[in-house]
């Protein structure tokens, strides 16, 4: 299980490593208690594009918080 960053934070330019070995890159994610909302930032607003449950995430690698 991965150690969650502070919840209710937006992370930009992140790689999500899944429990099945797959890796995806996302422009932005919003960390919640039970998973992450994936999306992007446009005009300084977070645009929701989907959701990944916490039990599918092995690790998140991101470097910029908003």
N, C-alpha and C. Protein backbone atom coordinates (compact mmCIF):
# COMPACT_ATOMS: atom_id res chain seq x y z
N UNK A 1 0.85 -1.19 0.00
CA UNK A 1 0.00 0.00 0.00
C UNK A 1 0.89 1.24 0.00
N UNK A 2 0.49 2.24 -0.71
CA UNK A 2 1.28 3.47 -0.83
C UNK A 2 0.94 4.43 0.30
N UNK A 3 1.89 5.28 0.61
CA UNK A 3 1.65 6.30 1.62
C UNK A 3 1.09 7.53 0.93
N UNK A 4 -0.16 7.86 1.26
CA UNK A 4 -0.85 8.96 0.60
C UNK A 4 -0.20 10.29 0.93
N UNK A 5 -0.10 11.18 -0.09
CA UNK A 5 0.26 12.57 0.23
C UNK A 5 -0.89 13.17 1.03
N UNK A 6 -0.71 14.36 1.54
CA UNK A 6 -1.79 15.01 2.28
C UNK A 6 -3.05 15.03 1.42
N UNK A 7 -4.16 14.57 2.02
CA UNK A 7 -5.40 14.54 1.24
C UNK A 7 -5.87 15.96 0.96
N UNK A 8 -6.74 16.06 -0.02
CA UNK A 8 -7.28 17.34 -0.50
C UNK A 8 -6.19 18.26 -1.04
N UNK A 9 -5.19 17.66 -1.69
CA UNK A 9 -4.14 18.41 -2.35
C UNK A 9 -4.14 18.04 -3.83
N UNK A 10 -3.81 19.00 -4.67
CA UNK A 10 -3.65 18.75 -6.10
C UNK A 10 -2.17 18.56 -6.38
N UNK A 11 -1.85 17.45 -7.03
CA UNK A 11 -0.48 17.17 -7.47
C UNK A 11 -0.46 17.24 -8.99
N UNK A 12 0.56 17.87 -9.55
CA UNK A 12 0.68 18.01 -10.99
C UNK A 12 1.81 17.13 -11.52
N UNK A 13 1.65 16.70 -12.78
CA UNK A 13 2.65 15.90 -13.49
C UNK A 13 3.09 14.69 -12.68
N UNK A 14 2.17 13.77 -12.49
CA UNK A 14 2.42 12.60 -11.65
C UNK A 14 2.36 11.30 -12.45
N UNK A 15 3.11 10.33 -12.00
CA UNK A 15 3.01 8.95 -12.48
C UNK A 15 2.29 8.15 -11.41
N UNK A 16 1.31 7.36 -11.83
CA UNK A 16 0.62 6.47 -10.92
C UNK A 16 1.03 5.04 -11.29
N UNK A 17 1.55 4.34 -10.30
CA UNK A 17 1.94 2.94 -10.46
C UNK A 17 0.82 2.10 -9.87
N UNK A 18 0.24 1.23 -10.69
CA UNK A 18 -0.89 0.42 -10.26
C UNK A 18 -0.42 -0.89 -9.64
N UNK A 19 -1.31 -1.54 -8.92
CA UNK A 19 -0.98 -2.81 -8.27
C UNK A 19 -0.75 -3.93 -9.30
N UNK A 20 -1.26 -3.77 -10.52
CA UNK A 20 -1.06 -4.79 -11.56
C UNK A 20 0.20 -4.55 -12.39
N UNK A 21 1.00 -3.52 -12.04
CA UNK A 21 2.25 -3.26 -12.74
C UNK A 21 2.17 -2.18 -13.80
N UNK A 22 1.00 -1.73 -14.16
CA UNK A 22 0.82 -0.68 -15.16
C UNK A 22 1.22 0.67 -14.57
N UNK A 23 1.69 1.57 -15.44
CA UNK A 23 2.06 2.93 -15.03
C UNK A 23 1.36 3.91 -15.97
N UNK A 24 0.76 4.96 -15.41
CA UNK A 24 0.12 6.02 -16.20
C UNK A 24 0.64 7.38 -15.76
N UNK A 25 0.69 8.32 -16.70
CA UNK A 25 1.06 9.70 -16.42
C UNK A 25 -0.20 10.56 -16.48
N UNK A 26 -0.33 11.47 -15.51
CA UNK A 26 -1.47 12.40 -15.50
C UNK A 26 -0.98 13.81 -15.28
N UNK A 27 -1.64 14.75 -15.92
CA UNK A 27 -1.30 16.17 -15.76
C UNK A 27 -1.57 16.65 -14.34
N UNK A 28 -2.66 16.14 -13.73
CA UNK A 28 -3.01 16.56 -12.36
C UNK A 28 -3.90 15.50 -11.72
N UNK A 29 -3.76 15.38 -10.37
CA UNK A 29 -4.65 14.52 -9.60
C UNK A 29 -5.04 15.26 -8.33
N UNK A 30 -6.20 14.91 -7.82
CA UNK A 30 -6.69 15.46 -6.55
C UNK A 30 -6.82 14.30 -5.59
N UNK A 31 -6.06 14.31 -4.51
CA UNK A 31 -5.99 13.19 -3.58
C UNK A 31 -7.14 13.24 -2.59
N UNK A 32 -7.87 12.12 -2.49
CA UNK A 32 -8.97 11.97 -1.54
C UNK A 32 -8.66 10.83 -0.59
N UNK A 33 -9.51 10.63 0.39
CA UNK A 33 -9.34 9.56 1.37
C UNK A 33 -9.43 8.17 0.73
N UNK A 34 -10.33 8.00 -0.23
CA UNK A 34 -10.57 6.67 -0.80
C UNK A 34 -10.01 6.50 -2.21
N UNK A 35 -9.17 7.43 -2.68
CA UNK A 35 -8.58 7.32 -4.00
C UNK A 35 -8.14 8.67 -4.52
N UNK A 36 -8.00 8.77 -5.85
CA UNK A 36 -7.61 10.04 -6.47
C UNK A 36 -8.53 10.35 -7.64
N UNK A 37 -8.80 11.61 -7.82
CA UNK A 37 -9.52 12.09 -8.99
C UNK A 37 -8.47 12.54 -9.98
N UNK A 38 -8.52 12.00 -11.20
CA UNK A 38 -7.56 12.40 -12.22
C UNK A 38 -8.15 13.52 -13.05
N UNK A 39 -7.30 14.36 -13.60
CA UNK A 39 -7.78 15.47 -14.41
C UNK A 39 -6.65 16.30 -14.96
N UNK A 40 -6.96 17.56 -15.17
CA UNK A 40 -5.98 18.51 -15.67
C UNK A 40 -6.29 19.89 -15.12
N UNK A 41 -5.35 20.79 -15.26
CA UNK A 41 -5.53 22.17 -14.82
C UNK A 41 -5.71 23.05 -16.06
N UNK A 42 -6.79 23.82 -16.07
CA UNK A 42 -7.03 24.75 -17.18
C UNK A 42 -7.54 26.05 -16.58
N UNK A 43 -6.90 27.15 -16.92
CA UNK A 43 -7.26 28.47 -16.39
C UNK A 43 -7.27 28.46 -14.86
N UNK A 44 -6.25 27.81 -14.28
CA UNK A 44 -6.09 27.71 -12.83
C UNK A 44 -7.25 27.00 -12.13
N UNK A 45 -7.99 26.15 -12.85
CA UNK A 45 -9.07 25.36 -12.28
C UNK A 45 -8.82 23.88 -12.57
N UNK A 46 -9.12 23.03 -11.60
CA UNK A 46 -8.98 21.59 -11.78
C UNK A 46 -10.18 21.06 -12.53
N UNK A 47 -9.94 20.33 -13.63
CA UNK A 47 -11.01 19.75 -14.42
C UNK A 47 -11.01 18.23 -14.20
N UNK A 48 -12.08 17.71 -13.65
CA UNK A 48 -12.22 16.30 -13.30
C UNK A 48 -12.39 15.46 -14.57
N UNK A 49 -11.58 14.38 -14.67
CA UNK A 49 -11.68 13.47 -15.83
C UNK A 49 -11.92 12.02 -15.44
N UNK A 50 -11.83 11.68 -14.16
CA UNK A 50 -12.04 10.30 -13.76
C UNK A 50 -11.61 10.05 -12.33
N UNK A 51 -11.73 8.79 -11.90
CA UNK A 51 -11.43 8.42 -10.52
C UNK A 51 -10.69 7.09 -10.50
N UNK A 52 -9.68 6.97 -9.61
CA UNK A 52 -8.96 5.72 -9.39
C UNK A 52 -9.09 5.37 -7.91
N UNK A 53 -9.67 4.21 -7.59
CA UNK A 53 -9.80 3.82 -6.18
C UNK A 53 -8.44 3.51 -5.55
N UNK A 54 -8.34 3.71 -4.26
CA UNK A 54 -7.09 3.55 -3.52
C UNK A 54 -6.54 2.12 -3.62
N UNK A 55 -7.42 1.11 -3.67
CA UNK A 55 -6.94 -0.27 -3.69
C UNK A 55 -6.28 -0.66 -5.01
N UNK A 56 -6.38 0.18 -6.05
CA UNK A 56 -5.71 -0.08 -7.33
C UNK A 56 -4.36 0.62 -7.43
N UNK A 57 -4.02 1.46 -6.46
CA UNK A 57 -2.80 2.27 -6.53
C UNK A 57 -1.72 1.67 -5.64
N UNK A 58 -0.56 1.43 -6.24
CA UNK A 58 0.58 0.94 -5.47
C UNK A 58 1.45 2.11 -5.01
N UNK A 59 1.67 3.11 -5.89
CA UNK A 59 2.59 4.20 -5.59
C UNK A 59 2.26 5.40 -6.49
N UNK A 60 2.45 6.60 -5.96
CA UNK A 60 2.30 7.82 -6.75
C UNK A 60 3.60 8.59 -6.69
N UNK A 61 4.08 9.01 -7.86
CA UNK A 61 5.30 9.80 -7.95
C UNK A 61 4.95 11.14 -8.56
N UNK A 62 4.94 12.20 -7.75
CA UNK A 62 4.63 13.55 -8.23
C UNK A 62 5.52 14.55 -7.55
N UNK A 63 5.69 15.72 -8.17
CA UNK A 63 6.66 16.64 -7.59
C UNK A 63 6.15 18.05 -7.33
N UNK A 64 4.94 18.38 -7.73
CA UNK A 64 4.49 19.76 -7.54
C UNK A 64 3.11 19.76 -6.90
N UNK A 65 2.96 20.48 -5.78
CA UNK A 65 1.68 20.57 -5.08
C UNK A 65 1.08 21.95 -5.27
N UNK A 66 -0.25 21.99 -5.30
CA UNK A 66 -0.96 23.27 -5.36
C UNK A 66 -1.84 23.38 -4.16
